[in-house]
Amino acid sequence: MSTGHILLLGALAGLTIFLGLPLGRLHNVGQGFKAFLSAMATGILLFLLWDVLVEAIEPVEEALTAKNWDRFSGLSALAFGGFALGLMSLVYYDTWMKARRRKSFLGPGAASATELERSHFTGLTPARWLALFIATGIGLHNFAEGLAIGQAAALDQFSLAYVLVIGFGLHNATEGFGIVAPLTGDAEPPSWRFLGLMGVIAGFPTFFGTLVGQAWTSTAISVLFLTLAAGSILYVVMELLNVCRLFSSKTVTAWGILFGLTLGFATDFILVAAGV
């Protein structure tokens, strides 16, 4: 697989985020429809979490079976560190973002005035600031996803690379809903320019991560990149499950997750059958 082909795959996985962004200009989309798509994305991500972790843990188990304790210790530390970094970096980012939101709603104090001045200076309403923070958070985990795509392709694990591209692409198509959700309360719809900027912030890191990930080929780097992606995937799963719990019935959530899981495994089976 050529470098250009690899980068094209990373770009395709990131570009699908633009599909959900136009909903930011609509105000009549049903909650049930959004909830089903969120649940479907959760199912896809659950499959990807399993698929990525299987690939990441395989060399660790091989080192353990071979009783190569130095290699096992090193790979185990990388796996734990990558997973913890992928998960907890987004957890702390979310905590920081929520603290800023609470600060902006304190009332007529100095903190609130500062937030209002900043929004006035940049031309961004509080809702658009929140959309920007969400896009940044999504961009962080999309960078980790790009790393996994690039590393899989660089190691000639083409089946995994294609599954990741298709799975991440399907999920990114629904991530746009999360970005534009705060904008539905604004008096004026966001401009296409603003929506495009949000798409670049959230989607471009997938391409950049693919570029970085395909530059090196080593088992240790593969374990680190894959677990970094797995940790970020788990964080998004947690967030999506919370959204489903708040805005959807258990029946809609269960069907959406089941559909997403089925779609993920079906994609994997098709690629395996095709010998990819």
Protein backbone atom coordinates (compact mmCIF):
# COMPACT_ATOMS: atom_id res chain seq x y z
CA MET A 1 0.00 0.00 0.00
CA SER A 2 1.54 3.29 -1.11
CA THR A 3 1.94 6.31 1.15
CA GLY A 4 -0.55 8.24 -0.97
CA HIS A 5 -3.10 5.46 -0.60
CA ILE A 6 -2.64 5.38 3.16
CA LEU A 7 -3.07 9.15 3.45
CA LEU A 8 -6.17 9.00 1.24
CA LEU A 9 -7.69 6.47 3.64
CA GLY A 10 -6.96 8.75 6.59
CA ALA A 11 -8.50 11.71 4.77
CA LEU A 12 -11.65 9.74 3.92
CA ALA A 13 -12.07 8.64 7.53
CA GLY A 14 -11.89 12.25 8.70
CA LEU A 15 -13.95 13.92 5.96
CA THR A 16 -17.15 12.07 6.84
CA ILE A 17 -17.52 14.30 9.90
CA PHE A 18 -18.76 17.01 7.53
CA LEU A 19 -21.88 14.93 6.81
CA GLY A 20 -23.46 15.68 10.18
CA LEU A 21 -22.51 19.35 10.44
CA PRO A 22 -25.33 20.78 8.23
CA LEU A 23 -27.81 19.71 10.93
CA GLY A 24 -26.50 22.69 12.90
CA ARG A 25 -28.61 24.87 10.60
CA LEU A 26 -31.76 22.81 11.15
CA HIS A 27 -34.11 23.05 14.11
CA ASN A 28 -36.72 20.40 13.35
CA VAL A 29 -34.68 17.18 13.56
CA GLY A 30 -36.36 14.71 15.91
CA GLN A 31 -34.61 13.65 19.10
CA GLY A 32 -35.47 10.03 18.39
CA PHE A 33 -33.57 10.10 15.10
CA LYS A 34 -30.53 11.72 16.69
CA ALA A 35 -30.65 9.23 19.56
CA PHE A 36 -30.76 6.24 17.20
CA LEU A 37 -27.74 7.53 15.27
CA SER A 38 -25.86 8.10 18.52
CA ALA A 39 -26.68 4.57 19.64
CA MET A 40 -25.63 3.17 16.26
CA ALA A 41 -22.32 5.04 16.56
CA THR A 42 -21.92 3.53 20.03
CA GLY A 43 -22.35 0.04 18.62
CA ILE A 44 -19.79 0.68 15.89
CA LEU A 45 -17.34 2.01 18.45
CA LEU A 46 -17.85 -1.00 20.73
CA PHE A 47 -16.86 -3.23 17.83
CA LEU A 48 -13.85 -1.05 17.07
CA LEU A 49 -12.82 -1.07 20.73
CA TRP A 50 -12.78 -4.87 20.65
CA ASP A 51 -11.02 -5.03 17.29
CA VAL A 52 -8.32 -2.53 18.23
CA LEU A 53 -7.63 -4.09 21.63
CA VAL A 54 -7.30 -7.57 20.10
CA GLU A 55 -4.61 -6.27 17.76
CA ALA A 56 -2.87 -4.33 20.53
CA ILE A 57 -2.79 -7.15 23.08
CA GLU A 58 -1.70 -9.89 20.66
CA PRO A 59 2.05 -9.02 20.76
CA VAL A 60 1.87 -8.65 24.54
CA GLU A 61 0.46 -12.16 24.86
CA GLU A 62 3.06 -13.49 22.42
CA ALA A 63 5.84 -12.09 24.61
CA LEU A 64 4.20 -13.66 27.67
CA THR A 65 3.88 -17.05 25.95
CA ALA A 66 7.54 -16.90 24.94
CA LYS A 67 8.44 -16.00 28.54
CA ASN A 68 10.32 -12.96 27.27
CA TRP A 69 9.82 -11.02 30.46
CA ASP A 70 11.65 -7.85 29.42
CA ARG A 71 9.62 -7.56 26.22
CA PHE A 72 6.42 -8.44 28.07
CA SER A 73 7.05 -5.79 30.73
CA GLY A 74 7.85 -3.12 28.15
CA LEU A 75 4.86 -3.83 25.92
CA SER A 76 2.53 -4.11 28.92
CA ALA A 77 3.68 -0.71 30.18
CA LEU A 78 3.16 0.81 26.72
CA ALA A 79 -0.30 -0.73 26.44
CA PHE A 80 -1.40 0.56 29.83
CA GLY A 81 0.18 3.97 29.30
CA GLY A 82 -1.38 4.41 25.85
CA PHE A 83 -4.82 3.34 27.03
CA ALA A 84 -4.66 5.55 30.11
CA LEU A 85 -3.46 8.55 28.09
CA GLY A 86 -6.13 8.11 25.43
CA LEU A 87 -8.90 7.85 28.03
CA MET A 88 -7.82 10.21 30.81
CA SER A 89 -6.59 13.06 28.59
CA LEU A 90 -10.13 13.43 27.25
CA VAL A 91 -11.63 13.01 30.71
CA TYR A 92 -9.53 15.90 32.03
CA TYR A 93 -10.27 17.95 28.93
CA ASP A 94 -13.99 17.43 29.52
CA THR A 95 -13.60 18.42 33.18
CA TRP A 96 -11.80 21.61 32.15
CA MET A 97 -14.45 22.40 29.54
CA LYS A 98 -17.29 21.95 32.04
CA ALA A 99 -15.50 24.18 34.55
CA ARG A 100 -15.36 26.93 31.92
CA ARG A 101 -19.06 26.50 31.26
CA ARG A 102 -19.91 26.80 34.96
CA LYS A 103 -17.73 29.89 35.19
CA SER A 104 -19.58 31.55 32.32
CA PHE A 105 -22.93 31.05 34.07
CA LEU A 106 -21.98 32.40 37.51
CA GLY A 107 -23.98 35.55 37.00
CA PRO A 108 -23.04 39.23 36.94
CA GLY A 109 -19.59 38.68 38.46
CA ALA A 110 -16.19 39.38 36.95
CA ALA A 111 -15.83 35.86 35.54
CA SER A 112 -19.11 36.10 33.66
CA ALA A 113 -18.20 39.52 32.32
CA THR A 114 -14.88 38.17 31.09
CA GLU A 115 -16.62 35.37 29.24
CA LEU A 116 -19.10 37.78 27.68
CA GLU A 117 -16.32 40.14 26.59
CA ARG A 118 -14.38 37.31 25.05
CA SER A 119 -17.45 36.11 23.14
CA HIS A 120 -18.07 39.67 21.95
CA PHE A 121 -14.43 40.12 20.93
CA THR A 122 -14.29 36.91 18.88
CA GLY A 123 -17.82 37.08 17.56
CA LEU A 124 -18.64 33.70 19.13
CA THR A 125 -21.68 33.13 21.31
CA PRO A 126 -21.30 30.85 24.36
CA ALA A 127 -22.98 28.06 22.36
CA ARG A 128 -20.40 28.42 19.60
CA TRP A 129 -17.57 28.39 22.12
CA LEU A 130 -18.98 25.12 23.43
CA ALA A 131 -19.19 23.72 19.90
CA LEU A 132 -15.54 24.72 19.41
CA PHE A 133 -14.49 22.90 22.59
CA ILE A 134 -16.42 19.79 21.56
CA ALA A 135 -14.79 19.85 18.11
CA THR A 136 -11.38 20.14 19.76
CA GLY A 137 -12.08 17.15 21.98
CA ILE A 138 -13.25 15.10 19.02
CA GLY A 139 -10.13 16.14 17.15
CA LEU A 140 -7.96 14.74 19.95
CA HIS A 141 -9.46 11.30 19.71
CA ASN A 142 -9.57 11.43 15.91
CA PHE A 143 -5.80 12.00 15.95
CA ALA A 144 -5.42 8.76 17.91
CA GLU A 145 -7.67 7.01 15.40
CA GLY A 146 -5.47 8.27 12.57
CA LEU A 147 -2.40 6.94 14.36
CA ALA A 148 -4.02 3.50 14.49
CA ILE A 149 -4.89 3.62 10.76
CA GLY A 150 -1.39 4.69 9.74
CA GLN A 151 0.36 2.15 11.95
CA ALA A 152 -1.85 -0.73 10.77
CA ALA A 153 -1.18 0.14 7.14
CA ALA A 154 2.56 0.57 7.73
CA LEU A 155 2.71 -2.92 9.26
CA ASP A 156 0.85 -4.36 6.21
CA GLN A 157 -2.21 -5.13 8.35
CA PHE A 158 -4.43 -4.04 5.49
CA SER A 159 -7.61 -5.73 6.73
CA LEU A 160 -7.37 -3.89 10.05
CA ALA A 161 -6.59 -0.60 8.27
CA TYR A 162 -9.66 -0.88 6.04
CA VAL A 163 -11.90 -1.85 8.95
CA LEU A 164 -10.62 1.13 10.94
CA VAL A 165 -11.17 3.53 8.04
CA ILE A 166 -14.71 2.31 7.39
CA GLY A 167 -15.61 2.12 11.07
CA PHE A 168 -14.11 5.48 11.99
CA GLY A 169 -15.63 7.01 8.87
CA LEU A 170 -19.12 5.78 9.81
CA HIS A 171 -18.68 7.03 13.35
CA ASN A 172 -17.28 10.40 12.30
CA ALA A 173 -20.39 10.93 10.20
CA THR A 174 -22.37 11.01 13.45
CA GLU A 175 -19.83 13.06 15.43
CA GLY A 176 -20.98 16.15 13.59
CA PHE A 177 -24.26 15.91 15.52
CA GLY A 178 -22.39 16.23 18.79
CA ILE A 179 -20.57 19.32 17.59
CA VAL A 180 -23.65 21.18 16.37
CA ALA A 181 -26.01 20.13 19.18
CA PRO A 182 -25.28 23.25 21.31
CA LEU A 183 -26.00 25.48 18.30
CA THR A 184 -29.69 24.60 18.11
CA GLY A 185 -30.43 27.12 20.87
CA ASP A 186 -28.81 30.06 19.08
CA ALA A 187 -31.09 32.70 17.61
CA GLU A 188 -29.15 32.69 14.34
CA PRO A 189 -27.97 29.52 12.59
CA PRO A 190 -24.20 29.09 12.30
CA SER A 191 -22.57 30.12 9.04
CA TRP A 192 -21.26 27.54 6.61
CA ARG A 193 -17.80 28.97 7.23
CA PHE A 194 -18.07 28.28 10.95
CA LEU A 195 -19.35 24.75 10.35
CA GLY A 196 -16.49 24.15 7.92
CA LEU A 197 -13.98 25.31 10.53
CA MET A 198 -15.47 22.91 13.08
CA GLY A 199 -15.15 20.09 10.56
CA VAL A 200 -11.48 20.88 9.95
CA ILE A 201 -10.70 21.06 13.68
CA ALA A 202 -12.42 17.73 14.36
CA GLY A 203 -11.66 15.85 11.14
CA PHE A 204 -8.18 16.94 10.00
CA PRO A 205 -6.41 15.26 12.95
CA THR A 206 -7.46 11.89 11.49
CA PHE A 207 -5.42 12.64 8.36
CA PHE A 208 -2.51 14.07 10.36
CA GLY A 209 -2.51 11.07 12.71
CA THR A 210 -2.41 8.74 9.70
CA LEU A 211 0.58 10.66 8.33
CA VAL A 212 2.44 10.30 11.63
CA GLY A 213 1.38 6.70 12.21
CA GLN A 214 2.58 5.37 8.87
CA ALA A 215 6.05 6.90 9.27
CA TRP A 216 7.33 4.23 11.68
CA THR A 217 6.91 0.46 11.78
CA SER A 218 7.57 -1.18 15.13
CA THR A 219 5.58 -3.44 17.38
CA ALA A 220 6.07 -1.13 20.34
CA ILE A 221 4.76 1.90 18.43
CA SER A 222 1.84 -0.16 17.13
CA VAL A 223 0.86 -1.19 20.67
CA LEU A 224 1.13 2.40 21.89
CA PHE A 225 -0.89 3.88 19.01
CA LEU A 226 -3.60 1.21 19.11
CA THR A 227 -4.13 1.48 22.87
CA LEU A 228 -4.13 5.28 22.62
CA ALA A 229 -6.96 4.95 20.11
CA ALA A 230 -8.73 2.38 22.30
CA GLY A 231 -8.68 4.69 25.30
CA SER A 232 -10.15 7.56 23.31
CA ILE A 233 -12.79 5.24 21.83
CA LEU A 234 -13.85 4.15 25.32
CA TYR A 235 -14.24 7.78 26.36
CA VAL A 236 -16.52 8.54 23.41
CA VAL A 237 -18.54 5.38 24.12
CA MET A 238 -19.10 6.61 27.68
CA GLU A 239 -20.25 10.00 26.41
CA LEU A 240 -22.56 8.54 23.77
CA LEU A 241 -24.13 6.14 26.28
CA ASN A 242 -24.84 9.12 28.53
CA VAL A 243 -26.52 10.93 25.63
CA CYS A 244 -28.60 7.86 24.84
CA ARG A 245 -29.65 7.56 28.48
CA LEU A 246 -30.82 11.17 28.63
CA PHE A 247 -32.60 11.49 25.29
CA SER A 248 -33.74 8.03 24.27
CA SER A 249 -35.65 5.01 25.47
CA LYS A 250 -33.84 1.78 26.23
CA THR A 251 -35.53 0.17 23.24
CA VAL A 252 -34.21 2.74 20.76
CA THR A 253 -30.76 2.61 22.36
CA ALA A 254 -30.62 -1.19 22.28
CA TRP A 255 -31.68 -1.38 18.63
CA GLY A 256 -29.20 1.31 17.65
CA ILE A 257 -26.30 -0.37 19.46
CA LEU A 258 -27.26 -3.77 18.00
CA PHE A 259 -27.40 -2.28 14.51
CA GLY A 260 -24.01 -0.60 14.96
CA LEU A 261 -22.38 -3.77 16.27
CA THR A 262 -23.85 -5.79 13.41
CA LEU A 263 -22.59 -3.23 10.91
CA GLY A 264 -19.10 -3.37 12.42
CA PHE A 265 -18.84 -7.15 12.36
CA ALA A 266 -20.43 -7.35 8.90
CA THR A 267 -17.80 -4.95 7.57
CA ASP A 268 -15.05 -7.07 9.11
CA PHE A 269 -16.48 -10.31 7.70
CA ILE A 270 -16.80 -8.85 4.20
CA LEU A 271 -13.19 -7.68 4.21
CA VAL A 272 -11.95 -11.04 5.50
CA ALA A 273 -13.98 -12.90 2.87
CA ALA A 274 -12.57 -10.61 0.17
CA GLY A 275 -9.06 -11.40 1.37
CA VAL A 276 -8.25 -7.76 2.13
